[in-house]
Amino acid sequence: MADQRDRRGDQQHRRTREFEAFVAGAGGRLLHAATLLTTEPPARNPRARALLTASLAHTYAHWDRLRGEDPYDRTRTELATRFARAAWRHHRGHGGVLSALTPQERLVVVLRMYENVAEEQTAAILGLPMDRVRAVCHRAVSALRRTGTGTGAAAGPVPGTDPGRAAS
């Protein structure tokens, strides 16, 4: 009985260490993605932090069941899903780089441009047809170019515009 408890305790400790290492490596990038989605200033981003915390909690709860699945992909998908579910309440931006975009446009731009998620995978995450993802992305990038905010590194390159890089 004591051996079983020791084994469970060791497994729990290993699980916690693995998860903490994952968060240490990926947390900053995921927080930046969440901040882009919520359009909060990086120094004051409570909604982004809450969104990331909930997404990380979901990943941690399923940590033992990932079985080869990338925890970053799992957390990013959870982040996108949680943002999409709550976006209707937070339509207005808060002055961030992407605040001129609708929540759906922000989500597509962050996944496609910042996270470099393939169009097919973005469509699957959002439950949208690929042509819809393509149209939303094109509209959002055009809007960013018109406002002059799409030229910074936060939004990233437009897929297919760099001749040295394969379009996805």
C-alpha atoms as a PDB file:
ATOM      1  CA  MET A   1       0.000   0.000   0.000  1.00  0.00           C
ATOM      2  CA  ALA A   2       2.796   2.419   0.912  1.00  0.00           C
ATOM      3  CA  ASP A   3       4.665   1.481  -2.275  1.00  0.00           C
ATOM      4  CA  GLN A   4       1.611   2.390  -4.337  1.00  0.00           C
ATOM      5  CA  ARG A   5       1.329   5.768  -2.624  1.00  0.00           C
ATOM      6  CA  ASP A   6       5.036   6.388  -3.179  1.00  0.00           C
ATOM      7  CA  ARG A   7       4.691   5.495  -6.853  1.00  0.00           C
ATOM      8  CA  ARG A   8       1.660   7.768  -7.272  1.00  0.00           C
ATOM      9  CA  GLY A   9       3.511  10.549  -5.469  1.00  0.00           C
ATOM     10  CA  ASP A  10       6.537  10.072  -7.736  1.00  0.00           C
ATOM     11  CA  GLN A  11       4.315  10.130 -10.827  1.00  0.00           C
ATOM     12  CA  GLN A  12       2.563  13.268  -9.621  1.00  0.00           C
ATOM     13  CA  HIS A  13       5.903  14.931  -8.901  1.00  0.00           C
ATOM     14  CA  ARG A  14       7.222  13.976 -12.370  1.00  0.00           C
ATOM     15  CA  ARG A  15       4.030  15.239 -13.979  1.00  0.00           C
ATOM     16  CA  THR A  16       4.310  18.547 -12.114  1.00  0.00           C
ATOM     17  CA  ARG A  17       7.978  18.966 -13.085  1.00  0.00           C
ATOM     18  CA  GLU A  18       7.224  18.246 -16.761  1.00  0.00           C
ATOM     19  CA  PHE A  19       4.333  20.696 -16.785  1.00  0.00           C
ATOM     20  CA  GLU A  20       6.362  23.403 -15.036  1.00  0.00           C
ATOM     21  CA  ALA A  21       9.135  22.950 -17.616  1.00  0.00           C
ATOM     22  CA  PHE A  22       6.566  23.256 -20.399  1.00  0.00           C
ATOM     23  CA  VAL A  23       5.134  26.471 -18.920  1.00  0.00           C
ATOM     24  CA  ALA A  24       8.616  27.911 -18.399  1.00  0.00           C
ATOM     25  CA  GLY A  25       9.412  27.312 -22.063  1.00  0.00           C
ATOM     26  CA  ALA A  26       6.096  28.141 -23.712  1.00  0.00           C
ATOM     27  CA  GLY A  27       4.307  30.444 -21.261  1.00  0.00           C
ATOM     28  CA  GLY A  28       5.740  33.702 -22.594  1.00  0.00           C
ATOM     29  CA  ARG A  29       4.792  33.016 -26.200  1.00  0.00           C
ATOM     30  CA  LEU A  30       1.333  31.811 -25.219  1.00  0.00           C
ATOM     31  CA  LEU A  31       0.802  34.894 -23.048  1.00  0.00           C
ATOM     32  CA  HIS A  32       1.807  37.111 -25.964  1.00  0.00           C
ATOM     33  CA  ALA A  33      -0.706  35.310 -28.204  1.00  0.00           C
ATOM     34  CA  ALA A  34      -3.417  35.769 -25.552  1.00  0.00           C
ATOM     35  CA  THR A  35      -2.488  39.460 -25.209  1.00  0.00           C
ATOM     36  CA  LEU A  36      -2.763  39.925 -28.977  1.00  0.00           C
ATOM     37  CA  LEU A  37      -6.204  38.310 -28.899  1.00  0.00           C
ATOM     38  CA  THR A  38      -7.512  40.453 -26.053  1.00  0.00           C
ATOM     39  CA  THR A  39      -5.765  43.586 -27.411  1.00  0.00           C
ATOM     40  CA  GLU A  40      -4.743  44.553 -23.895  1.00  0.00           C
ATOM     41  CA  PRO A  41      -1.488  46.410 -23.287  1.00  0.00           C
ATOM     42  CA  PRO A  42       1.282  43.910 -22.413  1.00  0.00           C
ATOM     43  CA  ALA A  43       1.903  45.541 -19.037  1.00  0.00           C
ATOM     44  CA  ARG A  44      -1.793  45.378 -18.054  1.00  0.00           C
ATOM     45  CA  ASN A  45      -3.387  42.257 -19.449  1.00  0.00           C
ATOM     46  CA  PRO A  46      -5.601  40.594 -16.840  1.00  0.00           C
ATOM     47  CA  ARG A  47      -7.989  39.113 -19.431  1.00  0.00           C
ATOM     48  CA  ALA A  48      -5.087  37.610 -21.374  1.00  0.00           C
ATOM     49  CA  ARG A  49      -3.582  36.180 -18.187  1.00  0.00           C
ATOM     50  CA  ALA A  50      -6.933  34.694 -17.138  1.00  0.00           C
ATOM     51  CA  LEU A  51      -7.396  33.210 -20.615  1.00  0.00           C
ATOM     52  CA  LEU A  52      -3.932  31.654 -20.505  1.00  0.00           C
ATOM     53  CA  THR A  53      -4.343  30.402 -16.930  1.00  0.00           C
ATOM     54  CA  ALA A  54      -7.594  28.632 -17.806  1.00  0.00           C
ATOM     55  CA  SER A  55      -6.025  27.126 -20.928  1.00  0.00           C
ATOM     56  CA  LEU A  56      -2.974  25.919 -19.007  1.00  0.00           C
ATOM     57  CA  ALA A  57      -5.192  24.458 -16.278  1.00  0.00           C
ATOM     58  CA  HIS A  58      -7.048  22.483 -18.946  1.00  0.00           C
ATOM     59  CA  THR A  59      -3.753  21.217 -20.389  1.00  0.00           C
ATOM     60  CA  TYR A  60      -2.501  20.237 -16.939  1.00  0.00           C
ATOM     61  CA  ALA A  61      -5.718  18.369 -16.193  1.00  0.00           C
ATOM     62  CA  HIS A  62      -5.204  16.328 -19.371  1.00  0.00           C
ATOM     63  CA  TRP A  63      -1.390  16.093 -19.117  1.00  0.00           C
ATOM     64  CA  ASP A  64      -1.259  12.317 -18.601  1.00  0.00           C
ATOM     65  CA  ARG A  65      -3.597  11.746 -21.563  1.00  0.00           C
ATOM     66  CA  LEU A  66      -1.603  13.747 -24.131  1.00  0.00           C
ATOM     67  CA  ARG A  67       0.172  10.568 -25.306  1.00  0.00           C
ATOM     68  CA  GLY A  68       2.526  12.118 -27.824  1.00  0.00           C
ATOM     69  CA  GLU A  69       0.314  15.127 -28.545  1.00  0.00           C
ATOM     70  CA  ASP A  70       2.191  18.420 -28.413  1.00  0.00           C
ATOM     71  CA  PRO A  71       1.186  20.241 -25.209  1.00  0.00           C
ATOM     72  CA  TYR A  72       1.816  23.579 -26.947  1.00  0.00           C
ATOM     73  CA  ASP A  73      -0.678  22.727 -29.697  1.00  0.00           C
ATOM     74  CA  ARG A  74      -3.188  21.509 -27.104  1.00  0.00           C
ATOM     75  CA  THR A  75      -2.844  24.705 -25.050  1.00  0.00           C
ATOM     76  CA  ARG A  76      -2.977  26.967 -28.122  1.00  0.00           C
ATOM     77  CA  THR A  77      -6.140  25.223 -29.313  1.00  0.00           C
ATOM     78  CA  GLU A  78      -7.702  25.584 -25.869  1.00  0.00           C
ATOM     79  CA  LEU A  79      -6.679  29.261 -25.798  1.00  0.00           C
ATOM     80  CA  ALA A  80      -8.285  29.851 -29.200  1.00  0.00           C
ATOM     81  CA  THR A  81     -11.438  27.973 -28.246  1.00  0.00           C
ATOM     82  CA  ARG A  82     -11.838  29.829 -24.955  1.00  0.00           C
ATOM     83  CA  PHE A  83     -11.265  33.175 -26.661  1.00  0.00           C
ATOM     84  CA  ALA A  84     -13.798  32.371 -29.394  1.00  0.00           C
ATOM     85  CA  ARG A  85     -16.444  31.358 -26.829  1.00  0.00           C
ATOM     86  CA  ALA A  86     -16.010  34.564 -24.827  1.00  0.00           C
ATOM     87  CA  ALA A  87     -15.253  36.968 -27.717  1.00  0.00           C
ATOM     88  CA  TRP A  88     -18.846  38.089 -28.214  1.00  0.00           C
ATOM     89  CA  ARG A  89     -18.685  39.761 -24.794  1.00  0.00           C
ATOM     90  CA  HIS A  90     -15.449  41.567 -25.595  1.00  0.00           C
ATOM     91  CA  HIS A  91     -15.930  42.785 -29.162  1.00  0.00           C
ATOM     92  CA  ARG A  92     -14.139  46.090 -28.662  1.00  0.00           C
ATOM     93  CA  GLY A  93     -10.383  46.119 -28.622  1.00  0.00           C
ATOM     94  CA  HIS A  94      -8.418  47.737 -25.852  1.00  0.00           C
ATOM     95  CA  GLY A  95      -5.902  49.707 -27.895  1.00  0.00           C
ATOM     96  CA  GLY A  96      -3.571  46.870 -28.849  1.00  0.00           C
ATOM     97  CA  VAL A  97      -2.054  46.327 -32.267  1.00  0.00           C
ATOM     98  CA  LEU A  98      -5.025  44.249 -33.399  1.00  0.00           C
ATOM     99  CA  SER A  99      -7.792  46.256 -31.740  1.00  0.00           C
ATOM    100  CA  ALA A 100      -9.219  47.436 -35.082  1.00  0.00           C
ATOM    101  CA  LEU A 101     -10.105  43.828 -35.942  1.00  0.00           C
ATOM    102  CA  THR A 102     -13.138  41.806 -34.943  1.00  0.00           C
ATOM    103  CA  PRO A 103     -12.524  38.971 -32.477  1.00  0.00           C
ATOM    104  CA  GLN A 104     -12.728  36.393 -35.287  1.00  0.00           C
ATOM    105  CA  GLU A 105     -10.236  38.353 -37.390  1.00  0.00           C
ATOM    106  CA  ARG A 106      -7.885  38.637 -34.400  1.00  0.00           C
ATOM    107  CA  LEU A 107      -8.133  34.919 -33.781  1.00  0.00           C
ATOM    108  CA  VAL A 108      -7.352  34.042 -37.392  1.00  0.00           C
ATOM    109  CA  VAL A 109      -4.481  36.553 -37.597  1.00  0.00           C
ATOM    110  CA  VAL A 110      -2.916  35.351 -34.351  1.00  0.00           C
ATOM    111  CA  LEU A 111      -3.163  31.695 -35.359  1.00  0.00           C
ATOM    112  CA  ARG A 112      -2.040  32.187 -38.962  1.00  0.00           C
ATOM    113  CA  MET A 113       0.492  35.010 -38.659  1.00  0.00           C
ATOM    114  CA  TYR A 114       1.851  34.944 -35.129  1.00  0.00           C
ATOM    115  CA  GLU A 115       1.586  31.226 -34.410  1.00  0.00           C
ATOM    116  CA  ASN A 116       2.155  30.176 -38.061  1.00  0.00           C
ATOM    117  CA  VAL A 117      -0.606  27.564 -37.875  1.00  0.00           C
ATOM    118  CA  ALA A 118      -1.460  26.061 -41.253  1.00  0.00           C
ATOM    119  CA  GLU A 119      -4.701  27.147 -42.876  1.00  0.00           C
ATOM    120  CA  GLU A 120      -6.150  23.635 -42.632  1.00  0.00           C
ATOM    121  CA  GLN A 121      -5.346  23.378 -38.926  1.00  0.00           C
ATOM    122  CA  THR A 122      -6.723  26.881 -38.260  1.00  0.00           C
ATOM    123  CA  ALA A 123      -9.951  25.908 -40.006  1.00  0.00           C
ATOM    124  CA  ALA A 124     -10.174  22.741 -37.905  1.00  0.00           C
ATOM    125  CA  ILE A 125      -9.509  24.588 -34.633  1.00  0.00           C
ATOM    126  CA  LEU A 126     -12.156  27.211 -35.406  1.00  0.00           C
ATOM    127  CA  GLY A 127     -14.649  24.867 -37.060  1.00  0.00           C
ATOM    128  CA  LEU A 128     -14.674  26.969 -40.231  1.00  0.00           C
ATOM    129  CA  PRO A 129     -14.211  26.070 -43.889  1.00  0.00           C
ATOM    130  CA  MET A 130     -10.726  26.783 -45.233  1.00  0.00           C
ATOM    131  CA  ASP A 131     -12.008  29.343 -47.722  1.00  0.00           C
ATOM    132  CA  ARG A 132     -13.630  31.246 -44.845  1.00  0.00           C
ATOM    133  CA  VAL A 133     -10.348  31.253 -42.902  1.00  0.00           C
ATOM    134  CA  ARG A 134      -8.554  32.482 -46.034  1.00  0.00           C
ATOM    135  CA  ALA A 135     -11.112  35.261 -46.576  1.00  0.00           C
ATOM    136  CA  VAL A 136     -11.060  36.382 -42.926  1.00  0.00           C
ATOM    137  CA  CYS A 137      -7.264  36.413 -42.925  1.00  0.00           C
ATOM    138  CA  HIS A 138      -7.110  38.417 -46.156  1.00  0.00           C
ATOM    139  CA  ARG A 139      -9.682  40.927 -44.870  1.00  0.00           C
ATOM    140  CA  ALA A 140      -7.870  41.306 -41.549  1.00  0.00           C
ATOM    141  CA  VAL A 141      -4.440  41.780 -43.118  1.00  0.00           C
ATOM    142  CA  SER A 142      -5.894  44.337 -45.535  1.00  0.00           C
ATOM    143  CA  ALA A 143      -7.459  46.211 -42.626  1.00  0.00           C
ATOM    144  CA  LEU A 144      -4.161  46.174 -40.732  1.00  0.00           C
ATOM    145  CA  ARG A 145      -2.312  47.475 -43.772  1.00  0.00           C
ATOM    146  CA  ARG A 146      -4.854  50.294 -44.187  1.00  0.00           C
ATOM    147  CA  THR A 147      -4.431  51.342 -40.567  1.00  0.00           C
ATOM    148  CA  GLY A 148      -0.662  50.962 -40.737  1.00  0.00           C
ATOM    149  CA  THR A 149      -0.535  48.511 -37.820  1.00  0.00           C
ATOM    150  CA  GLY A 150       0.137  45.390 -39.851  1.00  0.00           C
ATOM    151  CA  THR A 151       3.730  46.294 -40.566  1.00  0.00           C
ATOM    152  CA  GLY A 152       5.097  45.481 -37.118  1.00  0.00           C
ATOM    153  CA  ALA A 153       6.541  42.183 -35.966  1.00  0.00           C
ATOM    154  CA  ALA A 154       3.569  41.484 -33.685  1.00  0.00           C
ATOM    155  CA  ALA A 155       1.349  40.433 -36.561  1.00  0.00           C
ATOM    156  CA  GLY A 156       4.141  38.586 -38.379  1.00  0.00           C
ATOM    157  CA  PRO A 157       4.539  38.094 -42.120  1.00  0.00           C
ATOM    158  CA  VAL A 158       1.710  37.461 -44.498  1.00  0.00           C
ATOM    159  CA  PRO A 159       1.867  33.814 -45.622  1.00  0.00           C
ATOM    160  CA  GLY A 160       3.130  33.485 -49.148  1.00  0.00           C
ATOM    161  CA  THR A 161       4.624  36.987 -49.353  1.00  0.00           C
ATOM    162  CA  ASP A 162       8.204  35.977 -48.565  1.00  0.00           C
ATOM    163  CA  PRO A 163       9.654  34.298 -51.643  1.00  0.00           C
ATOM    164  CA  GLY A 164      12.149  32.386 -49.488  1.00  0.00           C
ATOM    165  CA  ARG A 165       9.407  30.864 -47.379  1.00  0.00           C
ATOM    166  CA  ALA A 166       6.855  28.297 -48.458  1.00  0.00           C
ATOM    167  CA  ALA A 167       3.258  29.370 -48.141  1.00  0.00           C
ATOM    168  CA  SER A 168       1.117  27.136 -45.985  1.00  0.00           C
END
